[in-house]
Each structure stands twice: as C-alpha cells, then as structure tokens.
Amino acid sequence: SSDLIFMGDGDDHRGIPRVEDFQALRRRAHKVLWFNPEPEWRWYREDNYMHLIKPHCDGVHVVSTLRELSVAVDRLWR
C-alpha cells in the first residue's frame, strides 16, 4: 500500500463531506497525511470539516509556507 497525501483547507461549500468515502481511502493507504494551509482555529467554521477528517489521518500539518512544508516533510521520516 502507499502513502496518501491531501493538500487543502478542508472546506466544502456543497455540504458535509462523505466521511465514509474518506474512510474507504484510509483503509487502502499505508499512511494518510493532510497538509492544510489554514491555522487550526479556522478548521471549526461552518463550512470546514477538518474536525471530521482529522481523526482518520495519521498526521495533519498546517502548511502555508515553504518553511512549514519543510518541517512537515522532515517529520514524515522521524
């Protein structure tokens, strides 16, 4: 199996995402990581669903700069 990396803010302007679809992907992946450009306090707005997705990830990292991306990637191999 492979690692799965998502990059996005977790917003869904069409409604609540189908978490069961995300879980199906999770079952097929070795590791699931999410790089989110928004600060964590924004994950709980009405159109953001990171609070539903985060429990199914092996890691969720705030990545909005190259420095944050570098730190997150370094943590993958620790």
N, C-alpha and C. Protein backbone atom coordinates (compact mmCIF):
# COMPACT_ATOMS: atom_id res chain seq x y z
N SER A 1 0.83 -1.18 0.00
CA SER A 1 0.00 0.00 0.00
C SER A 1 0.88 1.24 0.00
N SER A 2 0.28 2.36 -0.32
CA SER A 2 1.00 3.61 -0.49
C SER A 2 0.57 4.64 0.53
N ASP A 3 1.39 5.67 0.65
CA ASP A 3 1.01 6.82 1.46
C ASP A 3 0.10 7.72 0.63
N LEU A 4 -0.84 8.36 1.30
CA LEU A 4 -1.79 9.25 0.65
C LEU A 4 -1.66 10.62 1.30
N ILE A 5 -1.40 11.64 0.48
CA ILE A 5 -1.23 12.99 0.99
C ILE A 5 -2.30 13.89 0.37
N PHE A 6 -3.05 14.57 1.23
CA PHE A 6 -4.04 15.55 0.79
C PHE A 6 -3.48 16.94 1.07
N MET A 7 -3.77 17.86 0.18
CA MET A 7 -3.40 19.25 0.37
C MET A 7 -4.66 20.08 0.14
N GLY A 8 -5.12 20.75 1.18
CA GLY A 8 -6.32 21.56 1.05
C GLY A 8 -6.77 22.08 2.39
N ASP A 9 -7.76 22.96 2.35
CA ASP A 9 -8.19 23.62 3.58
C ASP A 9 -9.32 22.91 4.31
N GLY A 10 -9.87 21.85 3.74
CA GLY A 10 -10.94 21.11 4.42
C GLY A 10 -12.30 21.74 4.28
N ASP A 11 -12.40 22.82 3.50
CA ASP A 11 -13.69 23.46 3.27
C ASP A 11 -14.49 22.64 2.25
N ASP A 12 -15.79 22.60 2.43
CA ASP A 12 -16.68 22.00 1.45
C ASP A 12 -17.91 22.88 1.37
N HIS A 13 -18.02 23.60 0.30
CA HIS A 13 -19.10 24.57 0.16
C HIS A 13 -20.40 23.94 -0.34
N ARG A 14 -20.37 22.65 -0.57
CA ARG A 14 -21.56 21.94 -1.05
C ARG A 14 -22.28 21.19 0.07
N GLY A 15 -21.70 21.13 1.24
CA GLY A 15 -22.33 20.41 2.34
C GLY A 15 -21.34 19.50 3.03
N ILE A 16 -21.84 18.70 3.94
CA ILE A 16 -21.00 17.81 4.73
C ILE A 16 -20.39 16.74 3.83
N PRO A 17 -19.07 16.55 3.90
CA PRO A 17 -18.43 15.53 3.05
C PRO A 17 -18.80 14.13 3.51
N ARG A 18 -18.66 13.19 2.61
CA ARG A 18 -18.96 11.79 2.93
C ARG A 18 -17.73 11.17 3.59
N VAL A 19 -17.73 11.18 4.90
CA VAL A 19 -16.60 10.67 5.67
C VAL A 19 -16.35 9.20 5.35
N GLU A 20 -17.40 8.45 5.05
CA GLU A 20 -17.23 7.03 4.72
C GLU A 20 -16.39 6.84 3.46
N ASP A 21 -16.46 7.78 2.53
CA ASP A 21 -15.59 7.71 1.35
C ASP A 21 -14.14 7.93 1.74
N PHE A 22 -13.91 8.87 2.64
CA PHE A 22 -12.55 9.12 3.13
C PHE A 22 -12.04 7.89 3.88
N GLN A 23 -12.89 7.26 4.67
CA GLN A 23 -12.50 6.06 5.41
C GLN A 23 -12.13 4.92 4.45
N ALA A 24 -12.83 4.81 3.34
CA ALA A 24 -12.51 3.77 2.36
C ALA A 24 -11.11 3.99 1.78
N LEU A 25 -10.78 5.24 1.49
CA LEU A 25 -9.42 5.55 1.04
C LEU A 25 -8.41 5.23 2.14
N ARG A 26 -8.76 5.55 3.37
CA ARG A 26 -7.88 5.31 4.52
C ARG A 26 -7.54 3.84 4.65
N ARG A 27 -8.52 2.98 4.45
CA ARG A 27 -8.29 1.53 4.59
C ARG A 27 -7.31 1.01 3.55
N ARG A 28 -7.22 1.68 2.42
CA ARG A 28 -6.33 1.22 1.34
C ARG A 28 -4.93 1.82 1.42
N ALA A 29 -4.74 2.81 2.27
CA ALA A 29 -3.45 3.52 2.34
C ALA A 29 -2.63 3.03 3.54
N HIS A 30 -1.33 3.08 3.37
CA HIS A 30 -0.42 2.78 4.47
C HIS A 30 -0.47 3.90 5.50
N LYS A 31 -0.41 5.12 5.01
CA LYS A 31 -0.42 6.30 5.87
C LYS A 31 -1.18 7.41 5.16
N VAL A 32 -2.00 8.18 5.92
CA VAL A 32 -2.75 9.30 5.37
C VAL A 32 -2.29 10.58 6.06
N LEU A 33 -1.87 11.54 5.26
CA LEU A 33 -1.41 12.83 5.77
C LEU A 33 -2.21 13.94 5.12
N TRP A 34 -2.42 15.01 5.86
CA TRP A 34 -3.15 16.16 5.32
C TRP A 34 -2.34 17.41 5.60
N PHE A 35 -2.04 18.17 4.55
CA PHE A 35 -1.37 19.46 4.68
C PHE A 35 -2.42 20.53 4.45
N ASN A 36 -2.67 21.33 5.47
CA ASN A 36 -3.73 22.33 5.44
C ASN A 36 -3.11 23.72 5.54
N PRO A 37 -3.45 24.64 4.63
CA PRO A 37 -2.84 25.97 4.65
C PRO A 37 -3.44 26.91 5.70
N GLU A 38 -4.54 26.50 6.34
CA GLU A 38 -5.19 27.38 7.30
C GLU A 38 -4.79 27.03 8.73
N PRO A 39 -4.77 28.02 9.62
CA PRO A 39 -4.49 27.73 11.03
C PRO A 39 -5.60 26.88 11.63
N GLU A 40 -5.26 26.10 12.62
CA GLU A 40 -6.20 25.12 13.18
C GLU A 40 -7.49 25.76 13.70
N TRP A 41 -7.44 26.96 14.24
CA TRP A 41 -8.66 27.58 14.77
C TRP A 41 -9.71 27.80 13.69
N ARG A 42 -9.29 27.84 12.41
CA ARG A 42 -10.26 28.03 11.32
C ARG A 42 -10.91 26.73 10.88
N TRP A 43 -10.47 25.59 11.41
CA TRP A 43 -11.00 24.29 11.00
C TRP A 43 -12.39 24.02 11.56
N TYR A 44 -12.89 24.90 12.37
CA TYR A 44 -14.16 24.66 13.04
C TYR A 44 -15.25 25.64 12.59
N ARG A 45 -15.01 26.32 11.47
CA ARG A 45 -16.05 27.18 10.89
C ARG A 45 -17.15 26.31 10.29
N GLU A 46 -18.25 26.95 9.94
CA GLU A 46 -19.41 26.19 9.47
C GLU A 46 -19.18 25.44 8.15
N ASP A 47 -18.26 25.90 7.29
CA ASP A 47 -18.04 25.22 6.02
C ASP A 47 -16.72 24.43 5.99
N ASN A 48 -16.13 24.21 7.16
CA ASN A 48 -14.88 23.48 7.24
C ASN A 48 -15.12 22.18 8.00
N TYR A 49 -14.56 21.10 7.48
CA TYR A 49 -14.85 19.78 8.05
C TYR A 49 -13.61 19.03 8.50
N MET A 50 -12.54 19.76 8.79
CA MET A 50 -11.33 19.10 9.27
C MET A 50 -11.58 18.33 10.57
N HIS A 51 -12.50 18.80 11.39
CA HIS A 51 -12.79 18.09 12.64
C HIS A 51 -13.37 16.70 12.37
N LEU A 52 -13.96 16.47 11.21
CA LEU A 52 -14.46 15.15 10.83
C LEU A 52 -13.37 14.30 10.17
N ILE A 53 -12.46 14.96 9.49
CA ILE A 53 -11.43 14.26 8.72
C ILE A 53 -10.20 13.92 9.57
N LYS A 54 -9.82 14.82 10.44
CA LYS A 54 -8.58 14.68 11.22
C LYS A 54 -8.47 13.34 11.97
N PRO A 55 -9.53 12.82 12.58
CA PRO A 55 -9.39 11.54 13.29
C PRO A 55 -9.00 10.36 12.40
N HIS A 56 -9.17 10.50 11.09
CA HIS A 56 -8.87 9.42 10.16
C HIS A 56 -7.50 9.59 9.50
N CYS A 57 -6.74 10.59 9.94
CA CYS A 57 -5.42 10.87 9.37
C CYS A 57 -4.33 10.45 10.36
N ASP A 58 -3.20 10.04 9.80
CA ASP A 58 -2.04 9.75 10.65
C ASP A 58 -1.32 11.03 11.05
N GLY A 59 -1.53 12.07 10.28
CA GLY A 59 -0.94 13.36 10.60
C GLY A 59 -1.63 14.47 9.84
N VAL A 60 -1.86 15.58 10.52
CA VAL A 60 -2.41 16.78 9.90
C VAL A 60 -1.47 17.92 10.26
N HIS A 61 -0.98 18.63 9.25
CA HIS A 61 0.01 19.68 9.46
C HIS A 61 -0.47 20.98 8.84
N VAL A 62 -0.30 22.07 9.57
CA VAL A 62 -0.54 23.39 9.00
C VAL A 62 0.65 23.71 8.11
N VAL A 63 0.38 23.91 6.82
CA VAL A 63 1.43 24.16 5.85
C VAL A 63 0.98 25.31 4.95
N SER A 64 1.44 26.52 5.28
CA SER A 64 1.09 27.67 4.45
C SER A 64 2.33 28.41 3.95
N THR A 65 3.50 27.91 4.34
CA THR A 65 4.75 28.50 3.87
C THR A 65 5.71 27.37 3.49
N LEU A 66 6.75 27.70 2.77
CA LEU A 66 7.76 26.68 2.43
C LEU A 66 8.45 26.14 3.68
N ARG A 67 8.64 27.01 4.65
CA ARG A 67 9.27 26.57 5.90
C ARG A 67 8.39 25.54 6.62
N GLU A 68 7.09 25.81 6.70
CA GLU A 68 6.18 24.85 7.34
C GLU A 68 6.12 23.54 6.55
N LEU A 69 6.17 23.62 5.23
CA LEU A 69 6.21 22.41 4.42
C LEU A 69 7.47 21.61 4.70
N SER A 70 8.59 22.29 4.80
CA SER A 70 9.86 21.62 5.09
C SER A 70 9.81 20.90 6.44
N VAL A 71 9.28 21.56 7.45
CA VAL A 71 9.16 20.96 8.79
C VAL A 71 8.24 19.75 8.73
N ALA A 72 7.11 19.86 8.05
CA ALA A 72 6.15 18.74 7.97
C ALA A 72 6.77 17.55 7.25
N VAL A 73 7.49 17.80 6.17
CA VAL A 73 8.13 16.71 5.42
C VAL A 73 9.22 16.06 6.27
N ASP A 74 10.01 16.86 6.99
CA ASP A 74 11.04 16.30 7.87
C ASP A 74 10.43 15.36 8.92
N ARG A 75 9.24 15.70 9.42
CA ARG A 75 8.58 14.87 10.44
C ARG A 75 8.10 13.52 9.89
N LEU A 76 7.95 13.41 8.59
CA LEU A 76 7.48 12.16 7.99
C LEU A 76 8.44 11.01 8.22
N TRP A 77 9.71 11.32 8.33
CA TRP A 77 10.72 10.27 8.46
C TRP A 77 11.32 10.17 9.85
N ARG A 78 10.64 10.70 10.84
CA ARG A 78 11.11 10.59 12.22
C ARG A 78 10.43 9.44 12.92
